Amino acid sequence: MADSPNCDLKSLSPLQLFERVTEQGEKVRALKAGKAPKDEIDAAVRMLLSLKLSYKTTTGQDYQAGLPPKDLLLINNGTTKEEDEDLVDPWNVQTSNAKGVDYDKLIVRFGSSKIDTDLINRIERATGQKPHHFLRRGIFFSHRDMDQVLDAYENKKPFYLYTGRGPSSQAMHVGHLIPFMFTKWLQEVFDVPLVIQLTDDEKYLWKDMTIEKAYEYARENAKDIIACGFDINKTFIFSDLDYLGTSAGFYKNIVKVQKHVTFNQVKGIFGFTDSDCIGKISFPAIQAAPSFSSSFPQIFNGKENIQCLIPCAIDQDPYFRMTRDVAPRIGQPKPALLHSVFFPALQGAQTKMSASDPNSSIFLTDTPKQIKTKINKHAFSGGRDTIEEHRKYGGNCDVDVSFMYLTFFLEDDDRLEQLKQAYTSGELLTGELKKVLIETMQPLVASHQERRKQVTDEIVKQFMTPRKLAFEF
């Protein structure tokens, strides 16, 4: 492709323009480092200057490496261009819309790509497996570079999975299972290694808890994660408080990332202020490090060029936008991502659940009676005020939390569609829909509790011991 400005630059979002400038800057550096011919370098520089001009014209801001356009990055002080914008960052999710966050707008704002039918079909062809219902129903809805991962897989090149959990409480809720359920499916159909980061250091820095309590929560949460059914021979779970002190490769990658991200950049990306402790400011580099295979020499035999795929909720994307910007500058491949929607609180889709509010979700420790009471008492209804009105006008599945939960946990597509039609038509009442959800969640949670009982401290220790997994590199 010629080194000239693309005629469709005006159609790009500010964040897409930002990424184009970043990529062109990397190209200029590579050409200079490789001592390319002067005319080739000059052409690449002209292209870079043209892209920077387009970026400034579009955003009104000068391009700064690692610092995406401020008005498009939703940070935790809630400042946005429009008052009705959704607020999405790693610590807060807020929207005024009862249907939840507008994910189509979020894709544009974050500059990611929609998971469309073509990509889902390609995953099915590559794996020979029916796509997970999270894919079929748009629960995982956005991606970065999943095409590259599939290219590698189809060419017999390795990749690995990385996901994580911030252990803020002893008991996890059913929403916390979503990334692990999907990651388990990905691991099984692609047959790849998996690393799971427990960010107990992050929770100690952000929450009012002792470092001992954060570590205890990490080990308890590990039991719930293991109970999802991960293969011990293919999965490494690690606590930051444990692993950082034992892996030189991991710490080296942290320092490399830290060197290439300025204080101004993390303030712009995460909304940090001058009064935040320095631990918070440096933490993003710790979440970035598992994206690089050299952080796990015992698994990858010291190889540094193995691409990583990260399934996560889209509120974690700021960490990995930063990581993807830094990766080429430290000689690492950019991680690919698969983004999920947020799991709604029982009270409605305007916010995500809180582990500190026992009524905001169904917890993995809840009894069948507690599950029934929570759903009947707290699950936001899309039904009408009276039975007569409901029979006449029908319910609204777009805002009904019971139906939302069923889209996550009821695997039968035909049954889900039947419920949607019956509720929308008014044939099915809110209480009847809640009954279906109760009958779905009670056995699911009970089954999880039984599996968790089988997870001993010794099994946790085995999962969390740095070791070679069942793969050759």
Protein backbone atom coordinates (compact mmCIF):
# COMPACT_ATOMS: atom_id res chain seq x y z
CA MET A 1 0.00 0.00 0.00
CA ALA A 2 1.36 3.42 -0.91
CA ASP A 3 2.55 5.74 1.82
CA SER A 4 -0.06 8.40 1.23
CA PRO A 5 -2.96 9.60 3.33
CA ASN A 6 -5.98 7.39 2.99
CA CYS A 7 -8.87 9.16 1.31
CA ASP A 8 -11.31 7.90 3.93
CA LEU A 9 -9.56 9.37 6.99
CA LYS A 10 -12.61 11.57 7.62
CA SER A 11 -14.70 8.43 8.16
CA LEU A 12 -12.44 7.22 10.98
CA SER A 13 -13.34 7.78 14.62
CA PRO A 14 -10.90 9.86 16.71
CA LEU A 15 -9.66 6.71 18.45
CA GLN A 16 -9.13 4.93 15.12
CA LEU A 17 -7.18 7.96 13.92
CA PHE A 18 -5.15 7.85 17.12
CA GLU A 19 -4.27 4.21 16.44
CA ARG A 20 -3.33 5.02 12.81
CA VAL A 21 -0.92 7.73 14.01
CA THR A 22 0.55 5.33 16.58
CA GLU A 23 1.09 2.60 13.97
CA GLN A 24 2.67 5.03 11.51
CA GLY A 25 5.00 6.31 14.23
CA GLU A 26 6.08 2.73 14.90
CA LYS A 27 6.72 2.28 11.18
CA VAL A 28 8.90 5.42 11.02
CA ARG A 29 10.94 4.21 14.00
CA ALA A 30 11.38 0.77 12.42
CA LEU A 31 12.52 2.27 9.10
CA LYS A 32 15.05 4.50 10.84
CA ALA A 33 16.33 1.65 13.00
CA GLY A 34 16.68 -0.54 9.91
CA LYS A 35 18.52 2.24 8.05
CA ALA A 36 16.02 2.21 5.19
CA PRO A 37 16.56 4.41 2.11
CA LYS A 38 16.11 8.13 2.80
CA ASP A 39 13.23 8.56 0.33
CA GLU A 40 11.32 5.72 2.00
CA ILE A 41 11.82 7.26 5.45
CA ASP A 42 10.81 10.73 4.17
CA ALA A 43 7.60 9.32 2.65
CA ALA A 44 6.73 7.59 5.93
CA VAL A 45 7.39 10.81 7.88
CA ARG A 46 5.14 12.80 5.50
CA MET A 47 2.41 10.24 6.05
CA LEU A 48 2.88 10.53 9.83
CA LEU A 49 2.64 14.34 9.73
CA SER A 50 -0.49 14.13 7.58
CA LEU A 51 -2.12 11.70 10.01
CA LYS A 52 -1.22 13.93 12.97
CA LEU A 53 -2.80 16.90 11.19
CA SER A 54 -5.99 14.90 10.53
CA TYR A 55 -6.03 13.85 14.18
CA LYS A 56 -5.72 17.45 15.39
CA THR A 57 -8.37 18.66 12.93
CA THR A 58 -10.80 15.98 14.13
CA THR A 59 -10.19 16.18 17.88
CA GLY A 60 -8.82 19.67 18.46
CA GLN A 61 -5.97 18.01 20.38
CA ASP A 62 -2.31 17.44 19.53
CA TYR A 63 -1.39 13.76 19.25
CA GLN A 64 0.41 12.44 22.35
CA ALA A 65 1.77 8.89 22.34
CA GLY A 66 -0.14 6.61 24.68
CA LEU A 67 -2.78 9.24 25.46
CA PRO A 68 -6.01 8.63 23.50
CA PRO A 69 -8.42 11.52 22.85
CA LYS A 70 -9.64 12.78 26.20
CA ASP A 71 -13.25 13.41 25.34
CA LEU A 72 -13.66 9.84 24.10
CA LEU A 73 -12.04 8.06 27.01
CA LEU A 74 -14.50 7.78 29.85
CA ILE A 75 -12.60 8.23 33.08
CA ASN A 76 -13.63 7.87 36.67
CA ASN A 77 -14.36 11.51 37.34
CA GLY A 78 -17.39 11.24 35.07
CA THR A 79 -16.51 14.13 32.78
CA THR A 80 -17.86 13.58 29.28
CA LYS A 81 -18.93 15.76 26.38
CA GLU A 82 -22.61 14.92 26.73
CA GLU A 83 -24.45 14.64 30.01
CA ASP A 84 -26.23 11.48 28.89
CA GLU A 85 -23.03 9.67 27.93
CA ASP A 86 -22.45 6.29 29.52
CA LEU A 87 -19.66 6.29 32.11
CA VAL A 88 -17.42 3.24 31.66
CA ASP A 89 -14.05 2.72 33.30
CA PRO A 90 -12.37 -0.13 35.23
CA TRP A 91 -14.10 0.94 38.47
CA ASN A 92 -17.45 2.45 37.43
CA VAL A 93 -20.25 1.65 35.00
CA GLN A 94 -23.17 4.07 34.87
CA THR A 95 -25.88 4.76 32.33
CA SER A 96 -29.22 6.54 32.46
CA ASN A 97 -30.75 4.01 30.04
CA ALA A 98 -32.81 1.19 31.56
CA LYS A 99 -31.68 -1.04 28.68
CA GLY A 100 -28.09 -0.64 29.85
CA VAL A 101 -24.97 0.71 28.16
CA ASP A 102 -25.18 1.53 24.45
CA TYR A 103 -22.55 -0.93 23.22
CA ASP A 104 -22.64 0.22 19.60
CA LYS A 105 -21.61 3.70 20.75
CA LEU A 106 -18.99 2.20 23.03
CA ILE A 107 -17.43 0.32 20.11
CA VAL A 108 -17.10 3.58 18.19
CA ARG A 109 -15.80 5.45 21.22
CA PHE A 110 -13.21 2.81 22.14
CA GLY A 111 -12.26 2.11 18.52
CA SER A 112 -12.75 -1.66 18.74
CA SER A 113 -14.49 -3.90 16.19
CA LYS A 114 -17.91 -5.50 16.39
CA ILE A 115 -18.05 -9.29 16.58
CA ASP A 116 -20.19 -9.91 13.51
CA THR A 117 -21.68 -13.00 11.91
CA ASP A 118 -18.68 -13.45 9.64
CA LEU A 119 -16.28 -13.62 12.59
CA ILE A 120 -18.55 -16.00 14.52
CA ASN A 121 -18.78 -18.26 11.46
CA ARG A 122 -15.01 -18.17 11.08
CA ILE A 123 -14.56 -19.24 14.72
CA GLU A 124 -16.95 -22.11 14.07
CA ARG A 125 -15.02 -23.21 10.97
CA ALA A 126 -11.67 -22.96 12.75
CA THR A 127 -12.72 -24.93 15.82
CA GLY A 128 -15.30 -27.28 14.32
CA GLN A 129 -17.51 -26.41 17.31
CA LYS A 130 -20.86 -24.63 17.58
CA PRO A 131 -20.16 -21.08 18.80
CA HIS A 132 -20.74 -20.50 22.50
CA HIS A 133 -24.12 -18.95 23.28
CA PHE A 134 -22.26 -15.88 24.60
CA LEU A 135 -21.12 -15.33 21.01
CA ARG A 136 -24.42 -16.23 19.40
CA ARG A 137 -26.31 -13.78 21.64
CA GLY A 138 -23.86 -10.89 21.49
CA ILE A 139 -22.77 -11.18 25.13
CA PHE A 140 -19.21 -11.10 23.82
CA PHE A 141 -19.76 -8.35 21.28
CA SER A 142 -16.49 -6.57 20.49
CA HIS A 143 -12.90 -7.51 19.70
CA ARG A 144 -9.43 -6.32 18.87
CA ASP A 145 -7.38 -8.41 16.41
CA MET A 146 -9.33 -11.67 16.82
CA ASP A 147 -8.75 -12.13 13.08
CA GLN A 148 -5.00 -12.26 13.75
CA VAL A 149 -5.49 -14.92 16.42
CA LEU A 150 -7.50 -17.03 13.97
CA ASP A 151 -4.84 -16.51 11.29
CA ALA A 152 -2.23 -17.84 13.72
CA TYR A 153 -4.40 -20.77 14.77
CA GLU A 154 -5.16 -21.76 11.17
CA ASN A 155 -1.42 -21.63 10.40
CA LYS A 156 -0.62 -23.89 13.40
CA LYS A 157 1.01 -21.04 15.33
CA PRO A 158 0.47 -20.96 19.11
CA PHE A 159 -1.36 -18.39 21.20
CA TYR A 160 -2.49 -18.34 24.82
CA LEU A 161 -5.36 -17.01 26.93
CA TYR A 162 -5.15 -14.51 29.77
CA THR A 163 -7.97 -13.34 32.00
CA GLY A 164 -8.23 -12.26 35.61
CA ARG A 165 -10.16 -11.42 38.72
CA GLY A 166 -9.87 -8.62 41.27
CA PRO A 167 -10.59 -10.37 44.59
CA SER A 168 -12.55 -7.68 46.45
CA SER A 169 -14.62 -10.07 48.57
CA GLN A 170 -14.66 -13.67 49.73
CA ALA A 171 -17.86 -14.51 47.87
CA MET A 172 -18.13 -14.08 44.10
CA HIS A 173 -21.48 -13.52 42.36
CA VAL A 174 -22.80 -15.17 39.22
CA GLY A 175 -21.72 -12.23 37.06
CA HIS A 176 -18.10 -12.99 37.93
CA LEU A 177 -18.51 -16.39 36.27
CA ILE A 178 -19.12 -14.93 32.79
CA PRO A 179 -15.49 -14.41 31.68
CA PHE A 180 -14.45 -17.73 33.21
CA MET A 181 -17.26 -19.71 31.56
CA PHE A 182 -16.32 -18.25 28.19
CA THR A 183 -12.57 -18.60 28.75
CA LYS A 184 -13.03 -22.26 29.66
CA TRP A 185 -14.87 -22.80 26.36
CA LEU A 186 -12.14 -20.99 24.41
CA GLN A 187 -9.45 -23.08 26.11
CA GLU A 188 -11.26 -26.31 25.28
CA VAL A 189 -12.03 -25.59 21.61
CA PHE A 190 -8.60 -24.10 20.80
CA ASP A 191 -6.59 -26.30 23.23
CA VAL A 192 -4.26 -23.54 24.46
CA PRO A 193 -2.57 -22.52 27.74
CA LEU A 194 -4.38 -20.19 30.11
CA VAL A 195 -3.03 -17.80 32.75
CA ILE A 196 -5.38 -16.24 35.30
CA GLN A 197 -4.21 -13.19 37.25
CA LEU A 198 -5.61 -12.50 40.72
CA THR A 199 -4.96 -8.80 41.34
CA ASP A 200 -4.89 -8.89 45.14
CA ASP A 201 -2.32 -6.07 45.05
CA GLU A 202 -4.81 -3.87 43.19
CA LYS A 203 -7.55 -4.49 45.75
CA TYR A 204 -5.19 -3.68 48.61
CA LEU A 205 -4.31 -0.38 46.90
CA TRP A 206 -7.90 0.59 46.09
CA LYS A 207 -9.90 -0.86 48.97
CA ASP A 208 -9.87 -0.40 52.72
CA MET A 209 -8.43 -3.82 53.54
CA THR A 210 -5.22 -5.32 54.85
CA ILE A 211 -2.75 -6.95 52.51
CA GLU A 212 -3.37 -10.25 54.32
CA LYS A 213 -7.11 -10.00 53.68
CA ALA A 214 -6.55 -9.25 49.98
CA TYR A 215 -4.37 -12.35 49.67
CA GLU A 216 -6.95 -14.46 51.55
CA TYR A 217 -9.69 -13.30 49.16
CA ALA A 218 -7.47 -14.23 46.20
CA ARG A 219 -7.11 -17.81 47.40
CA GLU A 220 -10.84 -18.10 48.16
CA ASN A 221 -11.74 -16.70 44.74
CA ALA A 222 -9.30 -19.17 43.18
CA LYS A 223 -11.48 -21.99 44.55
CA ASP A 224 -14.53 -20.59 42.74
CA ILE A 225 -12.51 -20.20 39.53
CA ILE A 226 -11.17 -23.76 39.75
CA ALA A 227 -14.74 -24.98 40.35
CA CYS A 228 -15.60 -23.75 36.84
CA GLY A 229 -13.78 -26.87 35.62
CA PHE A 230 -10.41 -25.67 34.33
CA ASP A 231 -7.80 -28.29 33.43
CA ILE A 232 -4.97 -28.18 35.99
CA ASN A 233 -2.49 -29.34 33.35
CA LYS A 234 -3.27 -26.40 31.07
CA THR A 235 -4.00 -23.57 33.54
CA PHE A 236 -1.81 -21.41 35.78
CA ILE A 237 -3.56 -19.22 38.37
CA PHE A 238 -1.38 -16.68 40.15
CA SER A 239 -1.64 -14.07 42.86
CA ASP A 240 0.27 -10.87 42.11
CA LEU A 241 1.41 -10.74 45.73
CA ASP A 242 2.94 -14.20 45.26
CA TYR A 243 4.15 -14.35 41.68
CA LEU A 244 5.81 -10.95 41.26
CA GLY A 245 8.46 -11.91 43.78
CA THR A 246 9.39 -15.14 42.00
CA SER A 247 9.41 -14.29 38.28
CA ALA A 248 12.22 -12.15 36.91
CA GLY A 249 10.58 -12.22 33.46
CA PHE A 250 7.32 -10.86 34.83
CA TYR A 251 9.00 -8.04 36.72
CA LYS A 252 11.18 -7.10 33.73
CA ASN A 253 8.06 -6.67 31.60
CA ILE A 254 6.45 -4.52 34.29
CA VAL A 255 9.48 -2.22 34.32
CA LYS A 256 9.57 -2.04 30.50
CA VAL A 257 5.92 -0.96 30.42
CA GLN A 258 6.47 1.53 33.24
CA LYS A 259 9.35 3.15 31.33
CA HIS A 260 7.17 3.75 28.27
CA VAL A 261 4.08 5.22 29.97
CA THR A 262 4.21 8.70 31.53
CA PHE A 263 2.30 10.01 34.52
CA ASN A 264 0.34 12.31 32.21
CA GLN A 265 -0.68 9.32 30.11
CA VAL A 266 -2.03 7.24 33.01
CA LYS A 267 -3.84 10.31 34.32
CA GLY A 268 -5.49 10.72 30.93
CA ILE A 269 -6.35 7.04 30.56
CA PHE A 270 -7.44 6.20 34.12
CA GLY A 271 -8.32 9.54 35.67
CA PHE A 272 -5.67 9.36 38.42
CA THR A 273 -5.11 12.55 40.41
CA ASP A 274 -2.13 13.99 42.24
CA SER A 275 -3.58 12.68 45.52
CA ASP A 276 -3.65 9.03 44.37
CA CYS A 277 -0.97 6.82 45.89
CA ILE A 278 1.94 5.87 43.62
CA GLY A 279 0.87 2.22 43.84
CA LYS A 280 -2.27 3.00 41.83
CA ILE A 281 -0.31 4.95 39.24
CA SER A 282 2.12 2.07 38.65
CA PHE A 283 -0.47 -0.73 38.81
CA PRO A 284 -1.58 -0.66 35.13
CA ALA A 285 1.85 -2.02 34.17
CA ILE A 286 1.22 -5.04 36.41
CA GLN A 287 -2.05 -5.82 34.64
CA ALA A 288 -0.30 -5.36 31.29
CA ALA A 289 2.58 -7.79 31.98
CA PRO A 290 0.63 -11.09 31.64
CA SER A 291 -0.07 -10.06 28.02
CA PHE A 292 3.51 -11.05 27.17
CA SER A 293 4.59 -14.70 27.07
CA SER A 294 8.04 -13.85 28.48
CA SER A 295 6.28 -13.17 31.82
CA PHE A 296 5.83 -16.95 32.09
CA PRO A 297 9.15 -18.58 31.11
CA GLN A 298 8.20 -21.82 32.84
CA ILE A 299 5.21 -22.20 30.48
CA PHE A 300 6.59 -20.83 27.21
CA ASN A 301 10.21 -21.94 27.50
CA GLY A 302 11.41 -18.34 27.32
CA LYS A 303 9.72 -17.58 23.98
CA GLU A 304 8.69 -13.92 23.63
CA ASN A 305 6.65 -13.82 20.42
CA ILE A 306 3.53 -15.79 21.37
CA GLN A 307 0.36 -13.74 21.00
CA CYS A 308 -2.08 -13.41 23.85
CA LEU A 309 -5.91 -13.35 23.67
CA ILE A 310 -7.72 -11.66 26.55
CA PRO A 311 -11.44 -12.31 27.20
CA CYS A 312 -12.72 -9.60 29.57
CA ALA A 313 -15.54 -7.16 30.21
CA ILE A 314 -15.11 -4.00 28.15
CA ASP A 315 -14.51 -1.85 31.24
CA GLN A 316 -11.01 -3.42 31.37
CA ASP A 317 -10.18 -2.21 27.85
CA PRO A 318 -8.30 0.95 28.97
CA TYR A 319 -5.59 -1.25 30.51
CA PHE A 320 -5.09 -3.07 27.25
CA ARG A 321 -5.30 -0.03 24.97
CA MET A 322 -2.31 1.18 26.95
CA THR A 323 -0.68 -2.27 26.65
CA ARG A 324 -1.25 -2.42 22.88
CA ASP A 325 0.35 1.02 22.49
CA VAL A 326 3.43 0.00 24.48
CA ALA A 327 3.86 -3.56 23.11
CA PRO A 328 5.63 -2.75 19.78
CA ARG A 329 7.99 -0.36 21.54
CA ILE A 330 9.25 -3.12 23.84
CA GLY A 331 9.41 -5.73 21.08
CA GLN A 332 6.24 -7.62 22.04
CA PRO A 333 3.14 -8.59 20.01
CA LYS A 334 -0.02 -6.65 20.78
CA PRO A 335 -2.54 -8.66 22.81
CA ALA A 336 -5.88 -9.40 21.14
CA LEU A 337 -9.12 -8.92 23.07
CA LEU A 338 -12.68 -10.22 23.25
CA HIS A 339 -15.03 -7.86 25.12
CA SER A 340 -18.19 -8.84 26.98
CA VAL A 341 -21.17 -6.72 27.94
CA PHE A 342 -21.75 -5.97 31.62
CA PHE A 343 -23.75 -8.31 33.78
CA PRO A 344 -26.67 -6.26 35.17
CA ALA A 345 -27.51 -5.75 38.81
CA LEU A 346 -30.82 -7.25 39.93
CA GLN A 347 -32.14 -3.72 40.38
CA GLY A 348 -31.58 -2.87 36.71
CA ALA A 349 -29.00 -2.52 33.95
CA GLN A 350 -28.02 1.06 34.81
CA THR A 351 -25.06 -0.12 36.91
CA LYS A 352 -22.96 -3.23 37.34
CA MET A 353 -23.26 -5.23 40.53
CA SER A 354 -21.39 -4.53 43.73
CA ALA A 355 -19.83 -7.33 45.76
CA SER A 356 -20.56 -5.18 48.85
CA ASP A 357 -24.33 -5.16 48.19
CA PRO A 358 -25.75 -8.66 48.82
CA ASN A 359 -29.01 -7.79 47.08
CA SER A 360 -27.40 -6.52 43.87
CA SER A 361 -26.86 -10.01 42.49
CA ILE A 362 -27.04 -13.74 43.14
CA PHE A 363 -23.92 -14.85 45.00
CA LEU A 364 -22.26 -18.22 44.62
CA THR A 365 -22.82 -18.80 48.34
CA ASP A 366 -26.59 -18.17 48.21
CA THR A 367 -29.04 -20.88 49.26
CA PRO A 368 -31.99 -21.88 47.01
CA LYS A 369 -34.27 -19.88 49.32
CA GLN A 370 -32.06 -16.77 49.10
CA ILE A 371 -31.97 -17.04 45.31
CA LYS A 372 -35.77 -17.26 45.15
CA THR A 373 -36.23 -14.33 47.53
CA LYS A 374 -33.73 -12.10 45.73
CA ILE A 375 -35.24 -12.70 42.30
CA ASN A 376 -38.84 -12.28 43.44
CA LYS A 377 -38.10 -9.20 45.56
CA HIS A 378 -35.32 -7.37 43.72
CA ALA A 379 -35.23 -8.37 40.03
CA PHE A 380 -36.31 -5.32 38.02
CA SER A 381 -39.42 -6.08 35.96
CA GLY A 382 -40.28 -5.11 32.41
CA GLY A 383 -43.89 -5.99 33.08
CA ARG A 384 -46.92 -3.71 33.28
CA ASP A 385 -48.50 -2.27 36.42
CA THR A 386 -51.51 -4.57 36.32
CA ILE A 387 -52.21 -8.06 34.99
CA GLU A 388 -54.83 -6.61 32.65
CA GLU A 389 -52.36 -4.13 31.12
CA HIS A 390 -49.69 -6.80 30.87
CA ARG A 391 -52.01 -9.19 29.05
CA LYS A 392 -52.98 -6.38 26.67
CA TYR A 393 -49.63 -4.70 26.00
CA GLY A 394 -47.05 -7.32 26.99
CA GLY A 395 -43.74 -7.00 28.82
CA ASN A 396 -40.46 -5.37 27.79
CA CYS A 397 -37.59 -7.88 27.59
CA ASP A 398 -35.10 -5.08 26.89
CA VAL A 399 -35.31 -3.83 30.48
CA ASP A 400 -36.49 -6.95 32.35
CA VAL A 401 -33.60 -8.24 34.46
CA SER A 402 -34.99 -11.78 34.74
CA PHE A 403 -34.93 -12.09 30.96
CA MET A 404 -31.44 -10.53 30.82
CA TYR A 405 -30.17 -13.13 33.30
CA LEU A 406 -31.73 -15.91 31.22
CA THR A 407 -29.85 -14.72 28.13
CA PHE A 408 -26.65 -15.42 30.09
CA PHE A 409 -27.55 -18.71 31.74
CA LEU A 410 -30.32 -20.45 29.76
CA GLU A 411 -28.42 -22.30 27.04
CA ASP A 412 -31.45 -23.47 25.02
CA ASP A 413 -31.92 -20.92 22.19
CA ASP A 414 -35.41 -22.16 21.29
CA ARG A 415 -36.61 -22.02 24.89
CA LEU A 416 -35.23 -18.49 25.31
CA GLU A 417 -37.01 -17.32 22.14
CA GLN A 418 -40.28 -18.91 23.31
CA LEU A 419 -40.03 -17.03 26.62
CA LYS A 420 -39.31 -13.78 24.81
CA GLN A 421 -42.33 -14.15 22.54
CA ALA A 422 -44.61 -15.16 25.41
CA TYR A 423 -43.50 -12.30 27.66
CA THR A 424 -43.63 -9.70 24.89
CA SER A 425 -47.13 -10.79 23.90
CA GLY A 426 -48.41 -10.71 27.47
CA GLU A 427 -49.04 -14.45 27.59
CA LEU A 428 -46.31 -14.87 30.24
CA LEU A 429 -46.50 -12.79 33.41
CA THR A 430 -43.55 -11.31 35.31
CA GLY A 431 -43.96 -13.74 38.20
CA GLU A 432 -43.93 -16.66 35.75
CA LEU A 433 -40.76 -15.38 34.07
CA LYS A 434 -39.09 -14.97 37.47
CA LYS A 435 -40.07 -18.57 38.27
CA VAL A 436 -38.20 -19.75 35.15
CA LEU A 437 -35.14 -17.80 36.25
CA ILE A 438 -35.32 -19.22 39.78
CA GLU A 439 -35.54 -22.75 38.36
CA THR A 440 -32.51 -22.00 36.16
CA MET A 441 -30.30 -20.38 38.80
CA GLN A 442 -30.94 -22.66 41.79
CA PRO A 443 -29.43 -25.82 40.23
CA LEU A 444 -26.65 -23.82 38.55
CA VAL A 445 -25.48 -22.31 41.87
CA ALA A 446 -25.99 -25.57 43.78
CA SER A 447 -23.90 -27.46 41.23
CA HIS A 448 -21.14 -24.85 41.51
CA GLN A 449 -21.19 -25.14 45.30
CA GLU A 450 -20.77 -28.92 45.09
CA ARG A 451 -17.79 -28.60 42.75
CA ARG A 452 -16.23 -25.96 44.99
CA LYS A 453 -16.43 -28.27 48.00
CA GLN A 454 -14.09 -30.63 46.13
CA VAL A 455 -11.44 -27.91 45.70
CA THR A 456 -8.97 -28.41 48.54
CA ASP A 457 -6.17 -26.09 49.62
CA GLU A 458 -3.77 -28.59 48.06
CA ILE A 459 -5.51 -28.30 44.68
CA VAL A 460 -5.34 -24.50 44.90
CA LYS A 461 -1.62 -24.77 45.65
CA GLN A 462 -1.11 -26.98 42.58
CA PHE A 463 -2.92 -24.53 40.27
CA MET A 464 -0.93 -21.61 41.73
CA THR A 465 2.51 -23.23 41.58
CA PRO A 466 4.67 -21.88 38.70
CA ARG A 467 5.31 -24.89 36.46
CA LYS A 468 5.42 -26.24 32.94
CA LEU A 469 1.98 -26.90 31.47
CA ALA A 470 0.97 -29.65 29.03
CA PHE A 471 2.30 -27.82 25.96
CA GLU A 472 5.61 -27.78 24.11
CA PHE A 473 7.15 -24.47 23.02
